Protein backbone atom coordinates (compact mmCIF):
# COMPACT_ATOMS: atom_id res chain seq x y z
CA MET A 1 -53.14 -111.09 24.40
CA ALA A 2 -49.73 -111.91 23.14
CA LEU A 3 -49.04 -110.71 19.65
CA VAL A 4 -47.10 -113.17 17.40
CA PRO A 5 -44.66 -111.44 15.16
CA ALA A 6 -45.88 -111.53 11.46
CA PRO A 7 -43.75 -113.21 8.87
CA ARG A 8 -41.03 -110.69 7.60
CA SER A 9 -42.33 -111.24 4.06
CA ALA A 10 -45.67 -109.84 4.99
CA ILE A 11 -44.32 -107.05 6.94
CA ASN A 12 -42.11 -105.96 3.89
CA ALA A 13 -44.71 -106.33 1.47
CA GLY A 14 -47.17 -104.16 3.43
CA VAL A 15 -50.09 -106.49 2.97
CA SER A 16 -52.75 -107.54 5.40
CA SER A 17 -54.02 -111.20 5.75
CA ARG A 18 -57.10 -109.92 7.53
CA SER A 19 -59.73 -107.47 6.66
CA ASP A 20 -59.71 -103.99 8.33
CA PRO A 21 -62.80 -104.51 10.41
CA LEU A 22 -61.38 -107.62 12.01
CA VAL A 23 -58.08 -105.87 12.68
CA PHE A 24 -59.88 -102.97 14.09
CA TRP A 25 -61.88 -105.07 16.60
CA ARG A 26 -58.75 -106.91 17.57
CA GLY A 27 -57.11 -103.65 18.46
CA ALA A 28 -60.28 -102.67 20.48
CA ARG A 29 -60.22 -106.00 22.38
CA ASP A 30 -56.62 -105.71 23.28
CA ALA A 31 -57.07 -102.15 24.53
CA LEU A 32 -60.06 -103.24 26.66
CA ALA A 33 -58.07 -106.04 28.22
CA LEU A 34 -56.28 -103.44 30.45
CA PRO A 35 -54.68 -100.42 28.85
CA ALA A 36 -57.99 -98.58 28.08
CA TRP A 37 -59.09 -99.04 31.69
CA ILE A 38 -55.88 -97.69 32.96
CA VAL A 39 -56.30 -94.42 31.01
CA GLY A 40 -59.97 -94.42 31.44
CA LEU A 41 -60.06 -94.49 35.21
CA SER A 42 -57.64 -91.64 35.43
CA LEU A 43 -60.31 -89.51 33.75
CA LEU A 44 -62.77 -90.01 36.56
CA GLY A 45 -61.09 -87.38 38.43
CA VAL A 46 -61.27 -85.05 35.35
CA GLY A 47 -64.96 -85.59 35.31
CA SER A 48 -65.31 -84.57 39.00
CA LEU A 49 -63.19 -81.63 38.44
CA ALA A 50 -65.26 -80.55 35.57
CA ARG A 51 -68.43 -80.58 37.83
CA ASP A 52 -66.70 -78.65 40.50
CA ALA A 53 -65.80 -76.04 37.86
CA GLY A 54 -69.40 -75.61 36.90
CA ALA A 55 -69.08 -77.12 33.43
CA PRO A 56 -71.90 -79.12 32.01
CA ALA A 57 -71.54 -82.91 31.65
CA GLY A 58 -71.49 -82.68 27.84
CA MET A 59 -68.43 -80.27 27.93
CA ALA A 60 -66.49 -82.76 30.19
CA VAL A 61 -67.12 -85.61 27.89
CA LEU A 62 -66.29 -83.46 24.83
CA SER A 63 -63.17 -82.38 26.42
CA THR A 64 -62.02 -85.97 26.52
CA VAL A 65 -62.95 -86.50 22.98
CA LEU A 66 -61.46 -83.38 21.67
CA MET A 67 -58.48 -82.78 23.92
CA TRP A 68 -57.67 -86.33 24.80
CA ALA A 69 -55.25 -85.51 27.47
CA ALA A 70 -55.92 -85.44 31.19
CA PRO A 71 -53.25 -82.88 32.18
CA ALA A 72 -54.68 -80.50 29.57
CA GLN A 73 -58.11 -81.10 30.77
CA VAL A 74 -57.06 -80.52 34.40
CA LEU A 75 -55.57 -77.16 33.35
CA LEU A 76 -58.75 -76.26 31.57
CA PHE A 77 -61.25 -77.06 34.40
CA GLY A 78 -58.85 -75.97 37.09
CA GLY A 79 -58.32 -72.70 35.31
CA LEU A 80 -62.12 -72.22 34.89
CA LEU A 81 -62.49 -73.00 38.76
CA GLY A 82 -59.80 -70.46 39.55
CA GLY A 83 -61.24 -67.74 37.23
CA ALA A 84 -58.41 -67.69 34.75
CA ALA A 85 -58.73 -66.02 31.45
CA LEU A 86 -59.82 -68.15 28.48
CA PRO A 87 -56.83 -66.83 26.20
CA ALA A 88 -54.31 -67.65 28.91
CA LEU A 89 -55.92 -71.14 29.42
CA ALA A 90 -55.74 -71.88 25.54
CA VAL A 91 -51.91 -70.94 25.66
CA ALA A 92 -51.27 -73.08 28.63
CA ILE A 93 -52.99 -76.07 27.19
CA CYS A 94 -51.19 -75.81 23.81
CA VAL A 95 -47.95 -75.56 25.63
CA SER A 96 -48.84 -78.66 27.71
CA SER A 97 -49.66 -80.64 24.65
CA LEU A 98 -46.42 -80.01 22.85
CA ARG A 99 -45.15 -83.22 24.41
CA PHE A 100 -47.31 -85.15 21.93
CA LEU A 101 -45.34 -83.85 19.02
CA PRO A 102 -42.32 -86.23 19.28
CA MET A 103 -44.71 -89.02 19.98
CA THR A 104 -46.75 -88.29 16.94
CA MET A 105 -43.66 -88.03 14.71
CA SER A 106 -42.34 -91.32 15.89
CA ILE A 107 -45.48 -93.33 15.53
CA LEU A 108 -47.07 -92.07 12.31
CA PRO A 109 -44.39 -93.74 10.24
CA LEU A 110 -45.21 -97.00 11.68
CA VAL A 111 -48.99 -96.82 10.90
CA ARG A 112 -48.71 -95.03 7.45
CA ARG A 113 -49.76 -97.27 4.62
CA PRO A 114 -48.35 -96.77 1.04
CA GLY A 115 -50.48 -94.32 -0.76
CA GLN A 116 -52.48 -93.16 2.19
CA ARG A 117 -54.14 -89.87 2.17
CA TRP A 118 -53.14 -87.14 4.49
CA PRO A 119 -56.63 -86.83 6.27
CA VAL A 120 -56.42 -90.33 7.60
CA GLN A 121 -52.87 -89.53 9.00
CA VAL A 122 -54.30 -86.37 10.52
CA ALA A 123 -57.11 -88.48 12.12
CA ALA A 124 -54.54 -90.89 13.36
CA ALA A 125 -52.50 -88.07 14.96
CA HIS A 126 -55.40 -86.95 16.94
CA PHE A 127 -55.69 -90.45 18.58
CA VAL A 128 -51.93 -90.19 19.89
CA ALA A 129 -51.79 -90.18 23.55
CA VAL A 130 -49.38 -91.53 26.23
CA THR A 131 -51.05 -95.05 26.51
CA ALA A 132 -51.80 -95.40 22.84
CA TRP A 133 -48.28 -94.35 22.03
CA VAL A 134 -46.38 -96.51 24.30
CA GLU A 135 -48.54 -99.59 23.52
CA GLY A 136 -48.43 -98.88 19.67
CA MET A 137 -44.58 -98.56 19.68
CA ARG A 138 -44.55 -102.03 21.41
CA ARG A 139 -47.23 -103.80 19.29
CA LEU A 140 -47.23 -102.24 15.88
CA PRO A 141 -43.85 -103.24 14.72
CA ASN A 142 -44.96 -106.94 14.98
CA LEU A 143 -48.00 -106.42 12.74
CA PRO A 144 -47.92 -106.37 8.89
CA VAL A 145 -47.97 -102.74 7.59
CA GLY A 146 -51.51 -103.15 6.16
CA GLU A 147 -52.83 -103.98 9.49
CA ARG A 148 -51.16 -101.30 11.59
CA MET A 149 -53.59 -98.40 10.82
CA PRO A 150 -56.93 -100.28 11.47
CA TYR A 151 -55.22 -101.87 14.71
CA PHE A 152 -54.26 -98.52 15.98
CA PHE A 153 -57.57 -96.95 15.29
CA GLY A 154 -59.23 -99.72 17.17
CA PHE A 155 -56.82 -99.59 20.12
CA ALA A 156 -56.88 -95.91 20.56
CA GLY A 157 -60.59 -95.53 19.68
CA ALA A 158 -61.37 -97.89 22.49
CA CYS A 159 -59.24 -96.13 24.82
CA MET A 160 -61.04 -92.88 24.00
CA ALA A 161 -64.49 -94.20 24.17
CA LEU A 162 -63.91 -95.83 27.43
CA SER A 163 -62.34 -92.72 28.80
CA ALA A 164 -65.32 -90.65 27.67
CA VAL A 165 -67.63 -92.89 29.55
CA LEU A 166 -65.66 -92.67 32.61
CA THR A 167 -65.36 -89.11 32.45
CA LEU A 168 -69.10 -88.89 32.47
CA ALA A 169 -69.21 -91.36 35.33
CA GLY A 170 -66.58 -89.25 37.39
CA TYR A 171 -68.91 -86.20 36.63
CA GLN A 172 -71.84 -88.04 38.26
CA LEU A 173 -70.01 -89.49 41.09
CA VAL A 174 -68.39 -86.04 42.21
CA GLY A 175 -70.16 -86.33 45.61
CA VAL A 176 -69.20 -89.85 46.21
CA LEU A 177 -65.66 -90.04 44.91
CA PRO A 178 -63.06 -89.05 47.57
CA ILE A 179 -60.47 -86.27 46.64
CA ALA A 180 -57.63 -88.53 47.51
CA LEU A 181 -58.89 -91.47 45.28
CA GLY A 182 -59.54 -89.02 42.28
CA ALA A 183 -55.98 -87.83 42.69
CA GLY A 184 -54.67 -91.15 42.93
CA LEU A 185 -56.47 -92.24 39.84
CA LEU A 186 -54.89 -89.44 37.78
CA MET A 187 -51.60 -91.25 38.58
CA LEU A 188 -52.51 -94.42 36.90
CA THR A 189 -51.59 -93.38 33.43
CA PRO A 190 -47.97 -92.09 34.32
CA LEU A 191 -47.37 -95.18 36.37
CA PHE A 192 -48.54 -97.53 33.39
CA PHE A 193 -46.44 -95.52 30.96
CA THR A 194 -43.33 -95.90 33.14
CA VAL A 195 -43.91 -99.67 33.59
CA ALA A 196 -44.62 -100.14 30.00
CA LEU A 197 -41.51 -98.12 29.03
CA VAL A 198 -39.27 -100.37 31.13
CA ALA A 199 -40.92 -103.51 29.86
CA SER A 200 -40.44 -102.58 26.29
CA ALA A 201 -36.87 -101.29 26.63
CA ARG A 202 -34.30 -103.28 24.49
CA ALA A 203 -31.62 -101.28 23.23
CA ARG A 204 -28.89 -99.30 25.01
CA GLN A 205 -30.48 -95.92 24.15
CA ASP A 206 -33.73 -97.06 25.52
CA TRP A 207 -32.32 -97.83 29.01
CA ALA A 208 -30.11 -94.56 28.80
CA ALA A 209 -33.24 -92.40 28.02
CA ILE A 210 -35.18 -94.00 31.00
CA SER A 211 -32.39 -93.64 33.36
CA LEU A 212 -31.53 -90.00 32.31
CA GLY A 213 -35.26 -89.25 32.62
CA PHE A 214 -35.36 -90.26 36.28
CA ALA A 215 -31.95 -88.84 37.17
CA LEU A 216 -32.40 -85.40 35.66
CA GLU A 217 -36.11 -84.60 36.40
CA PRO A 218 -35.36 -82.87 39.69
CA VAL A 219 -32.88 -80.67 37.89
CA ALA A 220 -35.31 -79.90 35.02
CA ALA A 221 -37.96 -79.11 37.44
CA VAL A 222 -35.73 -76.43 39.08
CA VAL A 223 -34.06 -75.08 35.83
CA ALA A 224 -37.13 -75.02 33.50
CA GLY A 225 -39.92 -74.94 36.03
CA ARG A 226 -42.90 -77.30 36.45
CA ASP A 227 -44.51 -76.05 33.10
CA PHE A 228 -41.56 -76.74 30.84
CA ASP A 229 -39.62 -79.60 32.80
CA LEU A 230 -40.80 -82.53 30.62
CA LEU A 231 -40.00 -80.56 27.33
CA ALA A 232 -36.53 -79.58 28.64
CA LEU A 233 -36.03 -83.12 29.95
CA GLY A 234 -37.03 -84.79 26.86
CA LEU A 235 -34.77 -82.51 24.66
CA VAL A 236 -31.77 -82.87 26.73
CA GLY A 237 -32.20 -86.50 27.98
CA GLY A 238 -33.51 -87.80 24.73
CA THR A 239 -30.63 -86.20 22.73
CA ALA A 240 -28.04 -87.58 25.20
CA ALA A 241 -29.52 -91.20 24.98
CA TYR A 242 -29.47 -90.90 21.19
CA LEU A 243 -25.92 -89.83 20.99
CA ALA A 244 -25.05 -92.58 23.49
CA GLY A 245 -26.63 -95.08 21.24
CA ARG A 246 -24.83 -93.85 18.12
CA VAL A 247 -21.42 -94.03 19.95
CA GLY A 248 -22.27 -97.50 21.28
CA ARG A 249 -23.04 -98.73 17.77
CA ARG A 250 -19.84 -97.28 16.27
CA ALA A 251 -17.83 -98.82 19.00
């Protein structure tokens, strides 16, 4: 569904022309049009991995609702399958989730309403994931400030709900789902993320960040290792892109 930019007066005033439930369901409908299926299908492989690790179905579904990150879930169930110690798994999962910190810091100012209580913002932070972030950064600026939070909850909530259902489906289909297909489905989210970033790139620093990311990733993988390459790449490449944008604006 194409979003029509809201009038500037409505955006600046922070008012909403529609009730929160209507905006919430519009966000859910937009998510179910495609993005929720992209992230949800990638969780099929997580469900099958959870069953291989001997975890109950409820644990597999709960991991999607509470962790909301396929790479962290793969670390959890892969570690359980390999007999890793739980404290070590906890540390590895926390480190892998650090990538969400800059996403959360960049999207929360967009969804925050004037006078909003902090528990609502904490709840919104929990729903921040790759698909919700990239689509939120693309869609939310076109909405009035008052509509952004319910829209985000509807969009991200639909992604999470469908992902939980498909995690359970993957758990039940473990004997039917080929390993190659499960691995391929896990690639849907990063592929969608990359395509969405390219489609939403407008400014010079956007293109600089994307280009530096692709160019420097092999170097970061060697220097920082596979566990920290994305963090190092985001720090170095993102900072370089930001500085390039500032120099371009001054010029």
